[in-house]
């Protein structure tokens, strides 16, 4: 059993989800102190065990979304397997599943079924489009939701208008963080007595649109025709191509533009009437962009960053993933943790981002191999693991 003393110590989670959106939710709950049991089917189990770089039968992708959990391989096609699952859920605080709508109901373990024998359960149902509606039956992955939610459109190439995908499973992860927040809120409501258990229904589409809208929707929010229109803040995001490298910087105020011109080695441009005020810059955008491109191609990365810091101009070099472990600020913050995994060997992971003073978080136990804790878990429930293995209920 977990001996963690994080803020969710004493909370039991049954995680029957696969891929990213559900497993990452459960992993974060484990990092916050919960005892998380991952339930997988025999055979392939969670597909993330088989995708990407791997060693010792465990992939980096699976490891980074499933640490902190105990794992049981449970055959729910047998009555004995269903019985074990029901018993697991019966004394759980949280149950997470991300199968297509109707799948858990067919097992007799939908929310309405479960709340009859565990009315305090916080039951999380994650799906692509939601439990009903015209697209609810459709299978999805992250890139599909990027397309459906507007994320790909926002990333469109300014020159061609061609939509682009984020090369990152953003929609999966945003869904996970939304689910984690919702679970904690539901547990808090239960603790306060304002609710007993409840059903959290979360569509990846909804989470992605909610994440996108606060800045990308800044213009689309205003529905009246007489609104003064401006491009979104992110529309101007670009990488600055310098003589010997790449960086990102942001100049918004007059003082920041003064710093920008200094970083480009042309401080006198801060007083150029074409560029010395926000109004002037907006009226001379083409010349502003042309001048910045010309100067950036003549400026070294080291000089740009040094002068930018002197003038308090927000700027950073573009780090590669390989740069992150040695980045001075990331190293100072202790973002990465290196340790030995019992199957994968030496691994590098990131700690939970928040640092809590009274109930500290931790990088929880390494990700489990398939069925690693099957015997331990069913023994805790009062079953004989040998008998369950013999009839194929666990493996």
Protein backbone atom coordinates (compact mmCIF):
# COMPACT_ATOMS: atom_id res chain seq x y z
CA UNK A 1 0.00 0.00 0.00
CA UNK A 2 1.10 3.61 -0.55
CA UNK A 3 2.76 5.34 2.37
CA UNK A 4 2.73 8.74 0.70
CA UNK A 5 1.72 11.72 2.80
CA UNK A 6 0.75 14.02 -0.07
CA UNK A 7 -2.55 15.94 -0.05
CA UNK A 8 -4.48 12.95 -1.44
CA UNK A 9 -3.00 10.34 0.91
CA UNK A 10 -5.72 7.84 1.85
CA UNK A 11 -7.60 8.26 -1.44
CA UNK A 12 -8.00 5.07 -3.48
CA UNK A 13 -8.26 5.30 -7.26
CA UNK A 14 -9.15 2.53 -9.70
CA UNK A 15 -7.82 3.43 -13.13
CA UNK A 16 -9.34 1.42 -15.96
CA UNK A 17 -8.31 3.90 -18.65
CA UNK A 18 -5.83 3.52 -21.51
CA UNK A 19 -3.67 5.69 -23.76
CA UNK A 20 -3.00 9.18 -22.27
CA UNK A 21 -6.03 11.19 -21.14
CA UNK A 22 -7.13 8.84 -18.35
CA UNK A 23 -3.76 7.34 -17.34
CA UNK A 24 -2.11 10.76 -16.95
CA UNK A 25 -5.04 11.88 -14.77
CA UNK A 26 -4.52 8.87 -12.51
CA UNK A 27 -0.75 9.34 -12.47
CA UNK A 28 -1.10 12.90 -11.23
CA UNK A 29 -3.45 11.69 -8.50
CA UNK A 30 -0.73 9.19 -7.52
CA UNK A 31 1.89 11.94 -7.40
CA UNK A 32 -0.47 13.82 -5.08
CA UNK A 33 -0.57 10.84 -2.73
CA UNK A 34 -3.44 8.60 -3.87
CA UNK A 35 -3.17 4.81 -4.00
CA UNK A 36 -3.82 4.10 -7.69
CA UNK A 37 -4.58 0.65 -9.09
CA UNK A 38 -4.27 0.29 -12.85
CA UNK A 39 -6.57 -2.36 -14.33
CA UNK A 40 -5.61 -3.82 -17.71
CA UNK A 41 -6.96 -6.57 -19.90
CA UNK A 42 -4.88 -9.66 -20.70
CA UNK A 43 -2.81 -9.58 -23.87
CA UNK A 44 -1.94 -6.15 -25.21
CA UNK A 45 -3.30 -4.28 -22.20
CA UNK A 46 -2.70 -0.54 -22.46
CA UNK A 47 -1.39 0.10 -26.00
CA UNK A 48 1.03 2.69 -24.61
CA UNK A 49 3.10 -0.21 -23.30
CA UNK A 50 4.08 -0.94 -26.91
CA UNK A 51 4.53 2.47 -28.60
CA UNK A 52 7.85 4.27 -28.84
CA UNK A 53 11.29 3.81 -27.34
CA UNK A 54 11.48 0.98 -24.83
CA UNK A 55 13.75 -1.13 -22.68
CA UNK A 56 12.94 -4.17 -20.60
CA UNK A 57 9.45 -4.30 -22.05
CA UNK A 58 8.45 -0.83 -20.80
CA UNK A 59 8.18 2.22 -23.07
CA UNK A 60 9.14 5.73 -22.09
CA UNK A 61 5.65 6.88 -23.05
CA UNK A 62 3.97 4.37 -20.74
CA UNK A 63 6.35 5.15 -17.91
CA UNK A 64 5.76 8.90 -18.09
CA UNK A 65 1.99 8.48 -17.84
CA UNK A 66 1.69 5.60 -15.38
CA UNK A 67 4.16 5.98 -12.54
CA UNK A 68 2.87 5.72 -9.00
CA UNK A 69 0.44 2.91 -9.81
CA UNK A 70 0.04 -0.72 -8.87
CA UNK A 71 -0.95 -2.88 -11.83
CA UNK A 72 -3.36 -5.79 -12.11
CA UNK A 73 -4.17 -7.73 -15.27
CA UNK A 74 -7.84 -8.64 -14.99
CA UNK A 75 -9.96 -10.62 -17.42
CA UNK A 76 -13.38 -8.97 -17.27
CA UNK A 77 -14.71 -11.48 -19.80
CA UNK A 78 -14.94 -13.91 -16.90
CA UNK A 79 -17.48 -13.56 -14.11
CA UNK A 80 -14.69 -13.90 -11.57
CA UNK A 81 -12.85 -11.01 -13.21
CA UNK A 82 -15.96 -8.84 -13.07
CA UNK A 83 -16.42 -9.78 -9.42
CA UNK A 84 -12.86 -8.67 -8.60
CA UNK A 85 -13.38 -5.39 -10.45
CA UNK A 86 -16.64 -4.71 -8.62
CA UNK A 87 -14.94 -5.37 -5.31
CA UNK A 88 -12.08 -3.04 -6.24
CA UNK A 89 -14.53 -0.28 -7.12
CA UNK A 90 -16.71 -0.91 -4.07
CA UNK A 91 -14.25 0.70 -1.66
CA UNK A 92 -12.63 3.13 -4.10
CA UNK A 93 -12.93 6.89 -3.91
CA UNK A 94 -12.35 7.48 -7.61
CA UNK A 95 -12.93 5.39 -10.72
CA UNK A 96 -11.53 6.51 -14.09
CA UNK A 97 -12.46 5.09 -17.49
CA UNK A 98 -12.08 6.47 -21.02
CA UNK A 99 -13.78 3.87 -23.18
CA UNK A 100 -16.31 4.83 -25.82
CA UNK A 101 -19.78 5.66 -24.46
CA UNK A 102 -21.75 2.58 -23.51
CA UNK A 103 -18.81 0.21 -22.98
CA UNK A 104 -18.91 0.28 -19.17
CA UNK A 105 -22.71 0.04 -19.14
CA UNK A 106 -22.45 -3.19 -21.12
CA UNK A 107 -20.24 -4.56 -18.34
CA UNK A 108 -22.84 -3.53 -15.78
CA UNK A 109 -20.41 -0.95 -14.37
CA UNK A 110 -21.73 2.37 -15.68
CA UNK A 111 -22.12 5.19 -13.17
CA UNK A 112 -25.75 4.37 -12.42
CA UNK A 113 -24.75 0.75 -11.69
CA UNK A 114 -21.73 1.63 -9.56
CA UNK A 115 -23.39 4.26 -7.40
CA UNK A 116 -25.86 1.61 -6.18
CA UNK A 117 -23.06 -0.21 -4.35
CA UNK A 118 -20.70 2.76 -3.86
CA UNK A 119 -22.71 5.98 -3.60
CA UNK A 120 -19.60 7.98 -2.61
CA UNK A 121 -17.69 7.18 -5.79
CA UNK A 122 -16.29 9.98 -7.92
CA UNK A 123 -16.74 8.35 -11.32
CA UNK A 124 -14.83 9.88 -14.26
CA UNK A 125 -15.94 9.19 -17.84
CA UNK A 126 -13.61 10.60 -20.49
CA UNK A 127 -14.47 10.36 -24.18
CA UNK A 128 -13.58 12.11 -27.41
CA UNK A 129 -16.79 13.97 -28.22
CA UNK A 130 -18.99 13.26 -25.20
CA UNK A 131 -21.55 10.59 -24.30
CA UNK A 132 -24.14 11.66 -26.85
CA UNK A 133 -24.59 13.85 -29.92
CA UNK A 134 -23.82 13.35 -33.62
CA UNK A 135 -20.12 12.50 -33.18
CA UNK A 136 -20.23 10.62 -29.89
CA UNK A 137 -19.77 7.24 -31.58
CA UNK A 138 -16.59 8.27 -33.40
CA UNK A 139 -13.15 7.02 -32.42
CA UNK A 140 -10.58 9.73 -31.76
CA UNK A 141 -6.93 10.41 -31.07
CA UNK A 142 -5.31 13.66 -30.04
CA UNK A 143 -4.74 14.94 -33.59
CA UNK A 144 -8.40 14.40 -34.45
CA UNK A 145 -9.46 16.60 -31.54
CA UNK A 146 -6.82 19.18 -32.51
CA UNK A 147 -8.63 19.40 -35.85
CA UNK A 148 -12.14 19.41 -34.40
CA UNK A 149 -11.45 21.95 -31.63
CA UNK A 150 -9.79 24.67 -33.71
CA UNK A 151 -6.29 24.06 -32.36
CA UNK A 152 -4.93 23.11 -35.80
CA UNK A 153 -6.58 26.17 -37.39
CA UNK A 154 -5.00 28.52 -34.85
CA UNK A 155 -1.60 27.04 -35.76
CA UNK A 156 -2.12 27.85 -39.46
CA UNK A 157 0.83 29.10 -41.47
CA UNK A 158 0.43 32.91 -41.77
CA UNK A 159 1.57 32.87 -45.37
CA UNK A 160 -0.37 29.95 -46.82
CA UNK A 161 -3.22 29.56 -44.35
CA UNK A 162 -2.50 25.83 -44.12
CA UNK A 163 -3.54 24.44 -40.71
CA UNK A 164 -0.85 22.76 -38.66
CA UNK A 165 -0.84 20.23 -35.87
CA UNK A 166 0.97 20.76 -32.61
CA UNK A 167 3.56 18.00 -32.49
CA UNK A 168 2.50 17.33 -28.96
CA UNK A 169 -0.46 15.49 -27.44
CA UNK A 170 -1.94 18.72 -26.14
CA UNK A 171 -5.60 17.72 -26.20
CA UNK A 172 -4.94 14.50 -24.30
CA UNK A 173 -2.95 16.34 -21.65
CA UNK A 174 -5.36 19.26 -21.31
CA UNK A 175 -8.12 16.71 -20.78
CA UNK A 176 -6.02 15.04 -18.09
CA UNK A 177 -5.38 18.27 -16.21
CA UNK A 178 -9.07 19.17 -16.45
CA UNK A 179 -10.03 15.74 -15.11
CA UNK A 180 -7.50 15.98 -12.27
CA UNK A 181 -8.85 19.39 -11.26
CA UNK A 182 -12.42 18.09 -11.42
CA UNK A 183 -11.64 15.02 -9.31
CA UNK A 184 -10.04 17.16 -6.61
CA UNK A 185 -13.06 19.50 -6.65
CA UNK A 186 -15.47 16.55 -6.38
CA UNK A 187 -13.50 15.07 -3.46
CA UNK A 188 -13.55 18.47 -1.77
CA UNK A 189 -17.33 18.75 -2.25
CA UNK A 190 -17.73 15.26 -0.78
CA UNK A 191 -15.56 16.20 2.20
CA UNK A 192 -17.59 19.38 2.77
CA UNK A 193 -20.86 17.44 2.58
CA UNK A 194 -22.20 19.41 -0.37
CA UNK A 195 -22.25 16.23 -2.47
CA UNK A 196 -21.88 12.52 -1.89
CA UNK A 197 -20.43 10.93 -4.98
CA UNK A 198 -20.84 12.25 -8.48
CA UNK A 199 -20.31 11.55 -12.15
CA UNK A 200 -17.69 13.65 -13.97
CA UNK A 201 -18.39 13.54 -17.69
CA UNK A 202 -15.55 15.03 -19.73
CA UNK A 203 -15.15 15.26 -23.50
CA UNK A 204 -11.70 15.86 -24.95
CA UNK A 205 -13.37 18.24 -27.40
CA UNK A 206 -14.82 20.34 -24.58
CA UNK A 207 -11.53 20.47 -22.68
CA UNK A 208 -9.61 21.50 -25.80
CA UNK A 209 -12.04 24.29 -26.75
CA UNK A 210 -12.10 25.56 -23.16
CA UNK A 211 -8.29 25.66 -23.16
CA UNK A 212 -8.08 27.35 -26.56
CA UNK A 213 -10.74 30.02 -26.13
CA UNK A 214 -9.41 32.41 -23.41
CA UNK A 215 -6.83 33.88 -25.81
CA UNK A 216 -7.54 32.45 -29.27
CA UNK A 217 -11.18 33.47 -28.91
CA UNK A 218 -10.46 37.07 -27.86
CA UNK A 219 -11.83 38.49 -31.12
CA UNK A 220 -14.52 35.85 -31.71
CA UNK A 221 -15.95 36.59 -28.25
CA UNK A 222 -17.19 40.01 -29.42
CA UNK A 223 -20.35 39.44 -31.45
CA UNK A 224 -21.38 42.99 -32.32
CA UNK A 225 -20.34 44.34 -35.73
CA UNK A 226 -19.08 47.66 -34.36
CA UNK A 227 -16.39 46.04 -32.18
CA UNK A 228 -12.81 47.22 -32.77
CA UNK A 229 -11.02 44.18 -34.16
CA UNK A 230 -7.42 43.17 -33.48
CA UNK A 231 -5.37 40.06 -34.13
CA UNK A 232 -5.05 37.62 -31.25
CA UNK A 233 -1.93 37.84 -29.11
CA UNK A 234 -0.72 34.45 -30.28
CA UNK A 235 -1.12 35.40 -33.95
CA UNK A 236 2.12 37.37 -33.71
CA UNK A 237 4.11 34.56 -32.11
CA UNK A 238 7.14 33.58 -34.14
CA UNK A 239 10.67 32.38 -33.69
CA UNK A 240 13.34 35.02 -34.24
CA UNK A 241 15.99 33.72 -36.62
CA UNK A 242 19.33 35.20 -35.58
CA UNK A 243 22.70 34.94 -37.28
CA UNK A 244 23.69 31.81 -35.37
CA UNK A 245 20.60 30.51 -33.59
CA UNK A 246 16.98 30.91 -32.64
CA UNK A 247 15.21 32.75 -29.86
CA UNK A 248 11.81 34.08 -28.87
CA UNK A 249 11.25 37.60 -27.57
CA UNK A 250 8.26 39.81 -26.90
CA UNK A 251 8.19 43.58 -27.16
CA UNK A 252 4.82 45.17 -26.36
CA UNK A 253 5.48 48.43 -24.50
CA UNK A 254 7.57 51.32 -25.77
CA UNK A 255 10.23 50.49 -23.18
CA UNK A 256 10.40 46.90 -24.41
CA UNK A 257 10.77 48.06 -28.01
CA UNK A 258 13.59 50.29 -26.86
CA UNK A 259 15.24 47.19 -25.46
CA UNK A 260 14.55 45.26 -28.67
CA UNK A 261 16.27 47.84 -30.85
CA UNK A 262 19.22 47.88 -28.45
CA UNK A 263 19.45 44.09 -28.61
CA UNK A 264 19.56 44.35 -32.40
CA UNK A 265 22.41 46.88 -32.10
CA UNK A 266 20.31 49.80 -33.36
CA UNK A 267 19.17 51.71 -30.24
CA UNK A 268 18.49 54.87 -32.28
CA UNK A 269 15.47 53.18 -33.90
CA UNK A 270 13.60 53.62 -30.62
CA UNK A 271 13.24 57.29 -31.57
CA UNK A 272 12.36 56.64 -35.22
CA UNK A 273 8.90 58.21 -35.76
CA UNK A 274 7.80 55.09 -37.60
CA UNK A 275 8.40 52.93 -34.51
CA UNK A 276 8.45 55.12 -31.38
CA UNK A 277 4.82 54.57 -30.29
CA UNK A 278 2.30 51.75 -30.43
CA UNK A 279 0.17 53.74 -32.88
CA UNK A 280 3.13 54.40 -35.14
CA UNK A 281 4.16 50.76 -35.11
CA UNK A 282 0.64 49.62 -35.98
CA UNK A 283 0.59 52.03 -38.92
CA UNK A 284 3.98 50.84 -40.19
CA UNK A 285 3.76 47.12 -39.54
CA UNK A 286 5.27 46.06 -42.87
CA UNK A 287 8.33 48.27 -42.37
CA UNK A 288 8.62 47.17 -38.75
CA UNK A 289 8.67 43.47 -39.67
CA UNK A 290 11.07 44.04 -42.58
CA UNK A 291 13.50 46.00 -40.38
CA UNK A 292 13.40 43.40 -37.61
CA UNK A 293 14.13 40.56 -40.06
CA UNK A 294 17.08 42.42 -41.56
CA UNK A 295 18.59 43.19 -38.17
CA UNK A 296 18.03 39.71 -36.74
CA UNK A 297 20.04 38.12 -39.56
CA UNK A 298 23.01 40.30 -38.53
CA UNK A 299 22.79 39.72 -34.75
CA UNK A 300 24.34 36.88 -32.78
CA UNK A 301 22.27 34.94 -30.28
CA UNK A 302 24.68 35.64 -27.42
CA UNK A 303 24.68 39.39 -28.03
CA UNK A 304 20.92 39.54 -28.42
CA UNK A 305 20.21 37.70 -25.15
CA UNK A 306 22.84 39.66 -23.20
CA UNK A 307 21.49 43.06 -24.24
CA UNK A 308 17.88 41.90 -23.89
CA UNK A 309 18.55 41.04 -20.25
CA UNK A 310 20.24 44.40 -19.66
CA UNK A 311 17.12 46.17 -20.96
CA UNK A 312 14.57 43.86 -19.27
CA UNK A 313 13.29 42.61 -22.63
CA UNK A 314 11.57 39.20 -22.31
CA UNK A 315 13.63 36.76 -24.38
CA UNK A 316 14.90 33.19 -24.38
CA UNK A 317 16.97 30.99 -26.62
CA UNK A 318 15.03 28.12 -28.19
CA UNK A 319 16.03 25.10 -26.13
CA UNK A 320 16.13 21.64 -27.64
CA UNK A 321 14.82 18.80 -25.46
CA UNK A 322 18.43 17.74 -24.97
CA UNK A 323 19.21 21.20 -23.55
CA UNK A 324 16.58 21.07 -20.81
CA UNK A 325 18.39 18.95 -18.18
CA UNK A 326 21.36 21.34 -18.19
CA UNK A 327 19.42 24.61 -18.51
CA UNK A 328 20.54 26.63 -15.45
CA UNK A 329 17.04 27.62 -14.32
CA UNK A 330 15.52 24.18 -14.89
CA UNK A 331 18.47 22.64 -13.04
CA UNK A 332 18.04 25.13 -10.17
CA UNK A 333 14.31 24.33 -9.94
CA UNK A 334 15.01 20.60 -9.73
CA UNK A 335 12.51 19.85 -12.49
CA UNK A 336 14.10 16.58 -13.52
CA UNK A 337 14.55 13.48 -11.40
CA UNK A 338 16.83 10.65 -12.46
CA UNK A 339 16.47 7.20 -10.94
CA UNK A 340 16.60 3.51 -11.75
CA UNK A 341 13.53 1.69 -13.02
CA UNK A 342 13.44 -2.03 -12.23
CA UNK A 343 12.86 -2.92 -15.91
CA UNK A 344 13.93 0.13 -17.93
CA UNK A 345 17.22 0.91 -16.20
CA UNK A 346 18.14 4.56 -15.71
CA UNK A 347 15.34 6.99 -16.52
CA UNK A 348 14.76 10.73 -16.43
CA UNK A 349 11.35 12.03 -15.32
CA UNK A 350 9.88 15.37 -14.30
CA UNK A 351 8.62 16.03 -10.80
CA UNK A 352 5.10 17.38 -10.20
CA UNK A 353 5.27 21.05 -11.14
CA UNK A 354 3.67 22.47 -7.98
CA UNK A 355 5.70 22.69 -4.77
CA UNK A 356 3.51 22.40 -1.67
CA UNK A 357 4.87 23.39 1.73
CA UNK A 358 2.70 21.33 4.11
CA UNK A 359 1.85 18.27 2.00
CA UNK A 360 4.81 17.91 -0.35
CA UNK A 361 4.38 16.10 -3.63
CA UNK A 362 6.77 13.50 -4.93
CA UNK A 363 7.71 11.53 -7.99
CA UNK A 364 5.79 8.41 -7.03
CA UNK A 365 6.80 4.79 -7.51
CA UNK A 366 8.11 3.75 -10.96
CA UNK A 367 5.58 2.67 -13.58
CA UNK A 368 4.56 -0.98 -13.16
CA UNK A 369 5.08 -3.83 -15.55
CA UNK A 370 1.89 -5.57 -16.74
CA UNK A 371 0.18 -7.40 -13.88
CA UNK A 372 3.09 -6.67 -11.54
CA UNK A 373 0.85 -6.38 -8.48
CA UNK A 374 -2.01 -8.71 -9.44
CA UNK A 375 -1.40 -11.16 -6.59
CA UNK A 376 -0.90 -8.40 -4.03
CA UNK A 377 -4.09 -6.57 -5.00
CA UNK A 378 -6.42 -9.57 -5.05
CA UNK A 379 -4.94 -10.83 -1.77
CA UNK A 380 -5.89 -7.51 -0.17
CA UNK A 381 -9.44 -8.14 -1.36
CA UNK A 382 -9.49 -11.57 0.31
CA UNK A 383 -9.06 -13.72 -2.82
CA UNK A 384 -6.67 -16.58 -3.41
CA UNK A 385 -4.48 -15.38 -6.30
CA UNK A 386 -3.49 -18.91 -7.28
CA UNK A 387 -7.11 -19.89 -7.81
CA UNK A 388 -7.83 -16.74 -9.84
CA UNK A 389 -4.81 -17.41 -12.02
CA UNK A 390 -5.88 -20.99 -12.56
CA UNK A 391 -9.25 -19.95 -13.95
CA UNK A 392 -7.75 -17.10 -16.00
CA UNK A 393 -9.34 -14.23 -14.09
CA UNK A 394 -5.95 -12.58 -13.42
CA UNK A 395 -2.51 -12.81 -14.93
